[in-house]
Amino acid sequence: MSAIHLEKIQSWRRHYNVSRPHMALNHLTPRQYRASEPNLTSNPNFMTGT
């Protein structure tokens, strides 16, 4: 896979996971949802699976 392909895939992943509104988040982007929930805490172990 070329560097161009990898960058296109990474760009799509960023958009899909970070930039686009999510139905599960009441049609907000993750950033908007986090801003709307001031008591929301992050779990650093969530992404690592530990």
PDB file of N, CA and C in Angstrom:
ATOM      1  N   MET A   1       0.851  -1.169   0.000  1.00  0.00           N
ATOM      2  CA  MET A   1       0.000   0.000   0.000  1.00  0.00           C
ATOM      3  C   MET A   1       0.899   1.234   0.000  1.00  0.00           C
ATOM      4  N   SER A   2       0.566   2.195  -0.833  1.00  0.00           N
ATOM      5  CA  SER A   2       1.406   3.385  -0.954  1.00  0.00           C
ATOM      6  C   SER A   2       1.104   4.400   0.149  1.00  0.00           C
ATOM      7  N   ALA A   3       1.994   5.352   0.290  1.00  0.00           N
ATOM      8  CA  ALA A   3       1.813   6.411   1.287  1.00  0.00           C
ATOM      9  C   ALA A   3       0.561   7.229   0.991  1.00  0.00           C
ATOM     10  N   ILE A   4       0.253   7.417  -0.277  1.00  0.00           N
ATOM     11  CA  ILE A   4      -0.956   8.162  -0.656  1.00  0.00           C
ATOM     12  C   ILE A   4      -2.196   7.414  -0.189  1.00  0.00           C
ATOM     13  N   HIS A   5      -2.217   6.102  -0.401  1.00  0.00           N
ATOM     14  CA  HIS A   5      -3.363   5.303   0.042  1.00  0.00           C
ATOM     15  C   HIS A   5      -3.503   5.341   1.565  1.00  0.00           C
ATOM     16  N   LEU A   6      -2.400   5.213   2.259  1.00  0.00           N
ATOM     17  CA  LEU A   6      -2.436   5.248   3.722  1.00  0.00           C
ATOM     18  C   LEU A   6      -2.969   6.581   4.241  1.00  0.00           C
ATOM     19  N   GLU A   7      -2.547   7.682   3.612  1.00  0.00           N
ATOM     20  CA  GLU A   7      -3.028   9.001   4.033  1.00  0.00           C
ATOM     21  C   GLU A   7      -4.522   9.149   3.764  1.00  0.00           C
ATOM     22  N   LYS A   8      -4.995   8.642   2.631  1.00  0.00           N
ATOM     23  CA  LYS A   8      -6.430   8.717   2.327  1.00  0.00           C
ATOM     24  C   LYS A   8      -7.243   7.905   3.336  1.00  0.00           C
ATOM     25  N   ILE A   9      -6.753   6.740   3.691  1.00  0.00           N
ATOM     26  CA  ILE A   9      -7.451   5.906   4.678  1.00  0.00           C
ATOM     27  C   ILE A   9      -7.449   6.594   6.036  1.00  0.00           C
ATOM     28  N   GLN A  10      -6.319   7.142   6.434  1.00  0.00           N
ATOM     29  CA  GLN A  10      -6.225   7.844   7.720  1.00  0.00           C
ATOM     30  C   GLN A  10      -7.151   9.058   7.741  1.00  0.00           C
ATOM     31  N   SER A  11      -7.223   9.785   6.640  1.00  0.00           N
ATOM     32  CA  SER A  11      -8.109  10.939   6.551  1.00  0.00           C
ATOM     33  C   SER A  11      -9.566  10.514   6.698  1.00  0.00           C
ATOM     34  N   TRP A  12      -9.934   9.424   6.032  1.00  0.00           N
ATOM     35  CA  TRP A  12     -11.299   8.906   6.143  1.00  0.00           C
ATOM     36  C   TRP A  12     -11.595   8.483   7.578  1.00  0.00           C
ATOM     37  N   ARG A  13     -10.664   7.789   8.227  1.00  0.00           N
ATOM     38  CA  ARG A  13     -10.859   7.352   9.613  1.00  0.00           C
ATOM     39  C   ARG A  13     -11.062   8.531  10.550  1.00  0.00           C
ATOM     40  N   ARG A  14     -10.242   9.587  10.374  1.00  0.00           N
ATOM     41  CA  ARG A  14     -10.396  10.781  11.215  1.00  0.00           C
ATOM     42  C   ARG A  14     -11.782  11.385  11.025  1.00  0.00           C
ATOM     43  N   HIS A  15     -12.197  11.508   9.774  1.00  0.00           N
ATOM     44  CA  HIS A  15     -13.522  12.080   9.513  1.00  0.00           C
ATOM     45  C   HIS A  15     -14.609  11.196  10.112  1.00  0.00           C
ATOM     46  N   TYR A  16     -14.549   9.907   9.859  1.00  0.00           N
ATOM     47  CA  TYR A  16     -15.593   8.982  10.307  1.00  0.00           C
ATOM     48  C   TYR A  16     -15.684   8.920  11.823  1.00  0.00           C
ATOM     49  N   ASN A  17     -14.557   8.912  12.502  1.00  0.00           N
ATOM     50  CA  ASN A  17     -14.547   8.733  13.956  1.00  0.00           C
ATOM     51  C   ASN A  17     -14.562  10.027  14.757  1.00  0.00           C
ATOM     52  N   VAL A  18     -14.140  11.143  14.161  1.00  0.00           N
ATOM     53  CA  VAL A  18     -13.974  12.374  14.929  1.00  0.00           C
ATOM     54  C   VAL A  18     -14.831  13.525  14.410  1.00  0.00           C
ATOM     55  N   SER A  19     -14.879  13.717  13.113  1.00  0.00           N
ATOM     56  CA  SER A  19     -15.493  14.921  12.548  1.00  0.00           C
ATOM     57  C   SER A  19     -16.979  14.813  12.267  1.00  0.00           C
ATOM     58  N   ARG A  20     -17.436  13.651  11.920  1.00  0.00           N
ATOM     59  CA  ARG A  20     -18.842  13.532  11.508  1.00  0.00           C
ATOM     60  C   ARG A  20     -19.752  13.394  12.720  1.00  0.00           C
ATOM     61  N   PRO A  21     -20.990  13.843  12.607  1.00  0.00           N
ATOM     62  CA  PRO A  21     -21.953  13.633  13.687  1.00  0.00           C
ATOM     63  C   PRO A  21     -22.272  12.148  13.843  1.00  0.00           C
ATOM     64  N   HIS A  22     -22.458  11.712  15.073  1.00  0.00           N
ATOM     65  CA  HIS A  22     -22.773  10.318  15.366  1.00  0.00           C
ATOM     66  C   HIS A  22     -24.201  10.211  15.877  1.00  0.00           C
ATOM     67  N   MET A  23     -24.948   9.268  15.358  1.00  0.00           N
ATOM     68  CA  MET A  23     -26.315   9.058  15.803  1.00  0.00           C
ATOM     69  C   MET A  23     -26.351   8.716  17.293  1.00  0.00           C
ATOM     70  N   ALA A  24     -25.397   7.923  17.751  1.00  0.00           N
ATOM     71  CA  ALA A  24     -25.359   7.514  19.157  1.00  0.00           C
ATOM     72  C   ALA A  24     -25.066   8.687  20.095  1.00  0.00           C
ATOM     73  N   LEU A  25     -24.549   9.776  19.552  1.00  0.00           N
ATOM     74  CA  LEU A  25     -24.248  10.968  20.353  1.00  0.00           C
ATOM     75  C   LEU A  25     -25.269  12.069  20.076  1.00  0.00           C
ATOM     76  N   ASN A  26     -26.482  11.659  19.724  1.00  0.00           N
ATOM     77  CA  ASN A  26     -27.562  12.607  19.442  1.00  0.00           C
ATOM     78  C   ASN A  26     -27.203  13.544  18.291  1.00  0.00           C
ATOM     79  N   HIS A  27     -26.570  12.988  17.280  1.00  0.00           N
ATOM     80  CA  HIS A  27     -26.186  13.705  16.060  1.00  0.00           C
ATOM     81  C   HIS A  27     -25.187  14.831  16.311  1.00  0.00           C
ATOM     82  N   LEU A  28     -24.342  14.654  17.305  1.00  0.00           N
ATOM     83  CA  LEU A  28     -23.257  15.590  17.581  1.00  0.00           C
ATOM     84  C   LEU A  28     -21.943  14.948  17.187  1.00  0.00           C
ATOM     85  N   THR A  29     -20.936  15.782  16.943  1.00  0.00           N
ATOM     86  CA  THR A  29     -19.596  15.241  16.761  1.00  0.00           C
ATOM     87  C   THR A  29     -19.076  14.861  18.145  1.00  0.00           C
ATOM     88  N   PRO A  30     -18.080  14.008  18.230  1.00  0.00           N
ATOM     89  CA  PRO A  30     -17.534  13.671  19.546  1.00  0.00           C
ATOM     90  C   PRO A  30     -17.084  14.905  20.336  1.00  0.00           C
ATOM     91  N   ARG A  31     -16.491  15.872  19.669  1.00  0.00           N
ATOM     92  CA  ARG A  31     -16.047  17.093  20.354  1.00  0.00           C
ATOM     93  C   ARG A  31     -17.246  17.878  20.896  1.00  0.00           C
ATOM     94  N   GLN A  32     -18.306  18.003  20.102  1.00  0.00           N
ATOM     95  CA  GLN A  32     -19.503  18.706  20.562  1.00  0.00           C
ATOM     96  C   GLN A  32     -20.139  17.975  21.744  1.00  0.00           C
ATOM     97  N   TYR A  33     -20.182  16.660  21.665  1.00  0.00           N
ATOM     98  CA  TYR A  33     -20.778  15.879  22.746  1.00  0.00           C
ATOM     99  C   TYR A  33     -19.992  16.059  24.038  1.00  0.00           C
ATOM    100  N   ARG A  34     -18.684  15.976  23.944  1.00  0.00           N
ATOM    101  CA  ARG A  34     -17.847  16.134  25.140  1.00  0.00           C
ATOM    102  C   ARG A  34     -18.037  17.519  25.750  1.00  0.00           C
ATOM    103  N   ALA A  35     -18.146  18.548  24.907  1.00  0.00           N
ATOM    104  CA  ALA A  35     -18.356  19.910  25.407  1.00  0.00           C
ATOM    105  C   ALA A  35     -19.722  20.057  26.072  1.00  0.00           C
ATOM    106  N   SER A  36     -20.695  19.288  25.616  1.00  0.00           N
ATOM    107  CA  SER A  36     -22.048  19.397  26.171  1.00  0.00           C
ATOM    108  C   SER A  36     -22.216  18.590  27.458  1.00  0.00           C
ATOM    109  N   GLU A  37     -21.237  17.769  27.793  1.00  0.00           N
ATOM    110  CA  GLU A  37     -21.291  16.922  28.988  1.00  0.00           C
ATOM    111  C   GLU A  37     -20.117  17.260  29.904  1.00  0.00           C
ATOM    112  N   PRO A  38     -20.230  18.332  30.704  1.00  0.00           N
ATOM    113  CA  PRO A  38     -19.078  18.774  31.509  1.00  0.00           C
ATOM    114  C   PRO A  38     -18.615  17.758  32.549  1.00  0.00           C
ATOM    115  N   ASN A  39     -19.483  16.862  32.977  1.00  0.00           N
ATOM    116  CA  ASN A  39     -19.092  15.871  33.984  1.00  0.00           C
ATOM    117  C   ASN A  39     -18.555  14.584  33.378  1.00  0.00           C
ATOM    118  N   LEU A  40     -18.444  14.555  32.068  1.00  0.00           N
ATOM    119  CA  LEU A  40     -17.937  13.368  31.386  1.00  0.00           C
ATOM    120  C   LEU A  40     -16.447  13.224  31.668  1.00  0.00           C
ATOM    121  N   THR A  41     -16.043  12.056  32.103  1.00  0.00           N
ATOM    122  CA  THR A  41     -14.622  11.801  32.336  1.00  0.00           C
ATOM    123  C   THR A  41     -14.148  10.777  31.327  1.00  0.00           C
ATOM    124  N   SER A  42     -12.899  10.853  30.991  1.00  0.00           N
ATOM    125  CA  SER A  42     -12.350   9.889  30.045  1.00  0.00           C
ATOM    126  C   SER A  42     -11.746   8.721  30.808  1.00  0.00           C
ATOM    127  N   ASN A  43     -11.732   7.590  30.161  1.00  0.00           N
ATOM    128  CA  ASN A  43     -11.141   6.390  30.733  1.00  0.00           C
ATOM    129  C   ASN A  43      -9.914   6.057  29.894  1.00  0.00           C
ATOM    130  N   PRO A  44      -8.709   6.315  30.390  1.00  0.00           N
ATOM    131  CA  PRO A  44      -7.510   6.077  29.587  1.00  0.00           C
ATOM    132  C   PRO A  44      -7.314   4.611  29.233  1.00  0.00           C
ATOM    133  N   ASN A  45      -7.956   3.702  29.950  1.00  0.00           N
ATOM    134  CA  ASN A  45      -7.813   2.283  29.651  1.00  0.00           C
ATOM    135  C   ASN A  45      -8.780   1.804  28.581  1.00  0.00           C
ATOM    136  N   PHE A  46      -9.745   2.632  28.213  1.00  0.00           N
ATOM    137  CA  PHE A  46     -10.755   2.217  27.245  1.00  0.00           C
ATOM    138  C   PHE A  46     -10.133   1.821  25.910  1.00  0.00           C
ATOM    139  N   MET A  47      -9.267   2.649  25.373  1.00  0.00           N
ATOM    140  CA  MET A  47      -8.689   2.388  24.059  1.00  0.00           C
ATOM    141  C   MET A  47      -7.617   1.304  24.100  1.00  0.00           C
ATOM    142  N   THR A  48      -6.992   1.092  25.229  1.00  0.00           N
ATOM    143  CA  THR A  48      -5.924   0.100  25.292  1.00  0.00           C
ATOM    144  C   THR A  48      -6.452  -1.282  25.636  1.00  0.00           C
ATOM    145  N   GLY A  49      -7.664  -1.341  26.145  1.00  0.00           N
ATOM    146  CA  GLY A  49      -8.245  -2.623  26.490  1.00  0.00           C
ATOM    147  C   GLY A  49      -7.718  -3.208  27.786  1.00  0.00           C
ATOM    148  N   THR A  50      -7.035  -2.395  28.592  1.00  0.00           N
ATOM    149  CA  THR A  50      -6.511  -2.906  29.863  1.00  0.00           C
ATOM    150  C   THR A  50      -7.462  -2.633  30.990  1.00  0.00           C
TER     151      THR A  50
END
